[in-house]
Amino acid sequence: ADVMMITSLREGMNANAFEYVACQQRNRGVLILSEFAGSAQTLGSGAILVNPFNTDAMALALYEALHMPEADREERHHNMNEYVQRFTLQYWSDDFSTELMTQEDADHELLSLELPEPLPRSE
């Protein structure tokens, strides 16, 4: 696809954006991404960010994406692809596991959680 437009109004981390970038090694397709999408934080340097409530801006972004010069497409794709290739699922899994393994048992929040005191009952 020449363009992918993700117009989420609220979500955590859209894996579709990362998959699109990974699949665009030859084509260097343009990613149009809602500023409310979780992946906007990490892929915003290469994506065209839009507010999905602003339909005029979305139309302009689509026009810009379809008419973007090849050099701009390559630069934007390079920025996003660098991030996608570095921060893989394996990276996050290893990082999380290492973090858990290096924490002191008593200091680690997840390992030391206790049930809170019950709330007083009002009668």
C-alpha atoms as a PDB file:
ATOM      1  CA  ALA A   1       0.000   0.000   0.000  1.00  0.00           C
ATOM      2  CA  ASP A   2       1.208   3.493  -0.769  1.00  0.00           C
ATOM      3  CA  VAL A   3      -0.394   4.914   2.383  1.00  0.00           C
ATOM      4  CA  MET A   4      -1.730   3.581   5.661  1.00  0.00           C
ATOM      5  CA  MET A   5      -4.092   5.782   7.653  1.00  0.00           C
ATOM      6  CA  ILE A   6      -4.778   4.889  11.290  1.00  0.00           C
ATOM      7  CA  THR A   7      -7.451   7.140  12.793  1.00  0.00           C
ATOM      8  CA  SER A   8      -7.837   5.776  16.315  1.00  0.00           C
ATOM      9  CA  LEU A   9      -9.521   8.081  18.786  1.00  0.00           C
ATOM     10  CA  ARG A  10      -8.054   6.299  21.800  1.00  0.00           C
ATOM     11  CA  GLU A  11      -5.917   3.176  22.120  1.00  0.00           C
ATOM     12  CA  GLY A  12      -2.744   1.897  23.710  1.00  0.00           C
ATOM     13  CA  MET A  13      -0.249   0.718  21.131  1.00  0.00           C
ATOM     14  CA  ASN A  14      -1.316  -0.060  17.590  1.00  0.00           C
ATOM     15  CA  ALA A  15       0.812  -2.932  16.303  1.00  0.00           C
ATOM     16  CA  ASN A  16      -0.587  -2.399  12.803  1.00  0.00           C
ATOM     17  CA  ALA A  17       1.535   0.718  12.420  1.00  0.00           C
ATOM     18  CA  PHE A  18       4.701  -1.206  13.285  1.00  0.00           C
ATOM     19  CA  GLU A  19       3.766  -4.047  10.931  1.00  0.00           C
ATOM     20  CA  TYR A  20       3.147  -1.585   8.100  1.00  0.00           C
ATOM     21  CA  VAL A  21       6.572   0.010   8.583  1.00  0.00           C
ATOM     22  CA  ALA A  22       8.268  -3.403   8.687  1.00  0.00           C
ATOM     23  CA  CYS A  23       6.554  -4.456   5.435  1.00  0.00           C
ATOM     24  CA  GLN A  24       7.488  -1.292   3.527  1.00  0.00           C
ATOM     25  CA  GLN A  25      11.178  -2.008   2.875  1.00  0.00           C
ATOM     26  CA  ARG A  26      10.822  -1.493  -0.887  1.00  0.00           C
ATOM     27  CA  ASN A  27       7.783   0.721  -1.285  1.00  0.00           C
ATOM     28  CA  ARG A  28       8.476   3.141   1.603  1.00  0.00           C
ATOM     29  CA  GLY A  29       4.768   3.772   2.082  1.00  0.00           C
ATOM     30  CA  VAL A  30       3.655   6.780   4.111  1.00  0.00           C
ATOM     31  CA  LEU A  31       2.053   6.292   7.510  1.00  0.00           C
ATOM     32  CA  ILE A  32      -0.702   8.696   8.551  1.00  0.00           C
ATOM     33  CA  LEU A  33      -1.260   8.224  12.256  1.00  0.00           C
ATOM     34  CA  SER A  34      -3.760   9.600  14.725  1.00  0.00           C
ATOM     35  CA  GLU A  35      -2.087  11.717  17.379  1.00  0.00           C
ATOM     36  CA  PHE A  36      -4.209   9.763  19.887  1.00  0.00           C
ATOM     37  CA  ALA A  37      -2.683   6.399  18.915  1.00  0.00           C
ATOM     38  CA  GLY A  38      -0.115   4.975  21.305  1.00  0.00           C
ATOM     39  CA  SER A  39       2.339   4.420  18.460  1.00  0.00           C
ATOM     40  CA  ALA A  40       2.320   8.167  17.704  1.00  0.00           C
ATOM     41  CA  GLN A  41       4.756   8.559  20.607  1.00  0.00           C
ATOM     42  CA  THR A  42       7.322   6.310  18.953  1.00  0.00           C
ATOM     43  CA  LEU A  43       6.654   6.592  15.214  1.00  0.00           C
ATOM     44  CA  GLY A  44       5.757  10.280  15.141  1.00  0.00           C
ATOM     45  CA  SER A  45       9.153  11.254  13.735  1.00  0.00           C
ATOM     46  CA  GLY A  46       8.319   9.565  10.448  1.00  0.00           C
ATOM     47  CA  ALA A  47       4.539   9.474  10.366  1.00  0.00           C
ATOM     48  CA  ILE A  48       2.213  12.290   9.420  1.00  0.00           C
ATOM     49  CA  LEU A  49       0.331  12.932  12.661  1.00  0.00           C
ATOM     50  CA  VAL A  50      -3.314  13.985  12.438  1.00  0.00           C
ATOM     51  CA  ASN A  51      -6.196  14.749  14.738  1.00  0.00           C
ATOM     52  CA  PRO A  52      -8.975  12.454  13.501  1.00  0.00           C
ATOM     53  CA  PHE A  53     -11.613  14.966  14.603  1.00  0.00           C
ATOM     54  CA  ASN A  54     -10.215  17.454  12.062  1.00  0.00           C
ATOM     55  CA  THR A  55     -11.433  16.114   8.723  1.00  0.00           C
ATOM     56  CA  ASP A  56      -9.813  18.941   6.732  1.00  0.00           C
ATOM     57  CA  ALA A  57      -6.404  18.125   8.221  1.00  0.00           C
ATOM     58  CA  MET A  58      -6.946  14.435   7.494  1.00  0.00           C
ATOM     59  CA  ALA A  59      -7.765  15.180   3.858  1.00  0.00           C
ATOM     60  CA  LEU A  60      -4.668  17.373   3.596  1.00  0.00           C
ATOM     61  CA  ALA A  61      -2.511  14.636   5.181  1.00  0.00           C
ATOM     62  CA  LEU A  62      -3.810  12.090   2.682  1.00  0.00           C
ATOM     63  CA  TYR A  63      -3.062  14.454  -0.213  1.00  0.00           C
ATOM     64  CA  GLU A  64       0.425  15.134   1.200  1.00  0.00           C
ATOM     65  CA  ALA A  65       1.107  11.400   1.605  1.00  0.00           C
ATOM     66  CA  LEU A  66       0.014  10.560  -1.935  1.00  0.00           C
ATOM     67  CA  HIS A  67       2.120  13.362  -3.439  1.00  0.00           C
ATOM     68  CA  MET A  68       5.177  13.104  -1.168  1.00  0.00           C
ATOM     69  CA  PRO A  69       8.528  13.138  -2.998  1.00  0.00           C
ATOM     70  CA  GLU A  70      10.486   9.874  -2.888  1.00  0.00           C
ATOM     71  CA  ALA A  71      13.339  11.427  -0.872  1.00  0.00           C
ATOM     72  CA  ASP A  72      10.921  12.514   1.865  1.00  0.00           C
ATOM     73  CA  ARG A  73       9.263   9.086   1.873  1.00  0.00           C
ATOM     74  CA  GLU A  74      12.655   7.406   2.277  1.00  0.00           C
ATOM     75  CA  GLU A  75      13.740   9.699   5.109  1.00  0.00           C
ATOM     76  CA  ARG A  76      10.478   9.247   7.022  1.00  0.00           C
ATOM     77  CA  HIS A  77      10.557   5.491   6.507  1.00  0.00           C
ATOM     78  CA  HIS A  78      14.176   5.321   7.658  1.00  0.00           C
ATOM     79  CA  ASN A  79      13.314   7.085  10.942  1.00  0.00           C
ATOM     80  CA  MET A  80      10.423   4.749  11.690  1.00  0.00           C
ATOM     81  CA  ASN A  81      12.145   1.585  10.476  1.00  0.00           C
ATOM     82  CA  GLU A  82      15.157   2.223  12.716  1.00  0.00           C
ATOM     83  CA  TYR A  83      12.875   2.237  15.739  1.00  0.00           C
ATOM     84  CA  VAL A  84      10.852  -0.806  14.619  1.00  0.00           C
ATOM     85  CA  GLN A  85      13.986  -2.862  13.928  1.00  0.00           C
ATOM     86  CA  ARG A  86      15.632  -1.956  17.237  1.00  0.00           C
ATOM     87  CA  PHE A  87      12.723  -2.253  19.624  1.00  0.00           C
ATOM     88  CA  THR A  88      11.319  -5.651  18.734  1.00  0.00           C
ATOM     89  CA  LEU A  89       9.126  -7.905  20.833  1.00  0.00           C
ATOM     90  CA  GLN A  90      12.292  -9.825  21.747  1.00  0.00           C
ATOM     91  CA  TYR A  91      13.925  -6.603  22.960  1.00  0.00           C
ATOM     92  CA  TRP A  92      10.982  -5.699  25.201  1.00  0.00           C
ATOM     93  CA  SER A  93      10.703  -9.251  26.513  1.00  0.00           C
ATOM     94  CA  ASP A  94      14.412  -9.394  27.388  1.00  0.00           C
ATOM     95  CA  ASP A  95      14.313  -5.934  28.948  1.00  0.00           C
ATOM     96  CA  PHE A  96      11.282  -6.779  31.084  1.00  0.00           C
ATOM     97  CA  SER A  97      12.752 -10.130  32.187  1.00  0.00           C
ATOM     98  CA  THR A  98      16.081  -8.539  33.082  1.00  0.00           C
ATOM     99  CA  GLU A  99      14.313  -5.866  35.077  1.00  0.00           C
ATOM    100  CA  LEU A 100      12.374  -8.479  37.049  1.00  0.00           C
ATOM    101  CA  MET A 101      15.449 -10.630  37.679  1.00  0.00           C
ATOM    102  CA  THR A 102      17.583  -7.749  38.959  1.00  0.00           C
ATOM    103  CA  GLN A 103      15.098  -6.347  41.457  1.00  0.00           C
ATOM    104  CA  GLU A 104      15.411  -7.060  45.136  1.00  0.00           C
ATOM    105  CA  ASP A 105      12.406  -9.062  46.281  1.00  0.00           C
ATOM    106  CA  ALA A 106      11.381  -6.563  48.938  1.00  0.00           C
ATOM    107  CA  ASP A 107      11.900  -3.550  46.676  1.00  0.00           C
ATOM    108  CA  HIS A 108       9.982  -4.820  43.698  1.00  0.00           C
ATOM    109  CA  GLU A 109       6.455  -3.455  43.652  1.00  0.00           C
ATOM    110  CA  LEU A 110       4.871  -6.469  41.966  1.00  0.00           C
ATOM    111  CA  LEU A 111       6.490  -8.917  44.364  1.00  0.00           C
ATOM    112  CA  SER A 112       5.652  -7.008  47.531  1.00  0.00           C
ATOM    113  CA  LEU A 113       2.053  -6.012  46.962  1.00  0.00           C
ATOM    114  CA  GLU A 114      -0.229  -6.750  49.836  1.00  0.00           C
ATOM    115  CA  LEU A 115      -3.970  -6.548  49.982  1.00  0.00           C
ATOM    116  CA  PRO A 116      -5.124  -3.130  51.158  1.00  0.00           C
ATOM    117  CA  GLU A 117      -7.086  -2.707  54.350  1.00  0.00           C
ATOM    118  CA  PRO A 118     -10.818  -3.085  53.756  1.00  0.00           C
ATOM    119  CA  LEU A 119     -12.757   0.143  53.454  1.00  0.00           C
ATOM    120  CA  PRO A 120     -14.934   1.033  56.447  1.00  0.00           C
ATOM    121  CA  ARG A 121     -18.552   0.183  55.957  1.00  0.00           C
ATOM    122  CA  SER A 122     -21.004   2.984  56.328  1.00  0.00           C
ATOM    123  CA  GLU A 123     -24.356   1.911  57.664  1.00  0.00           C
END
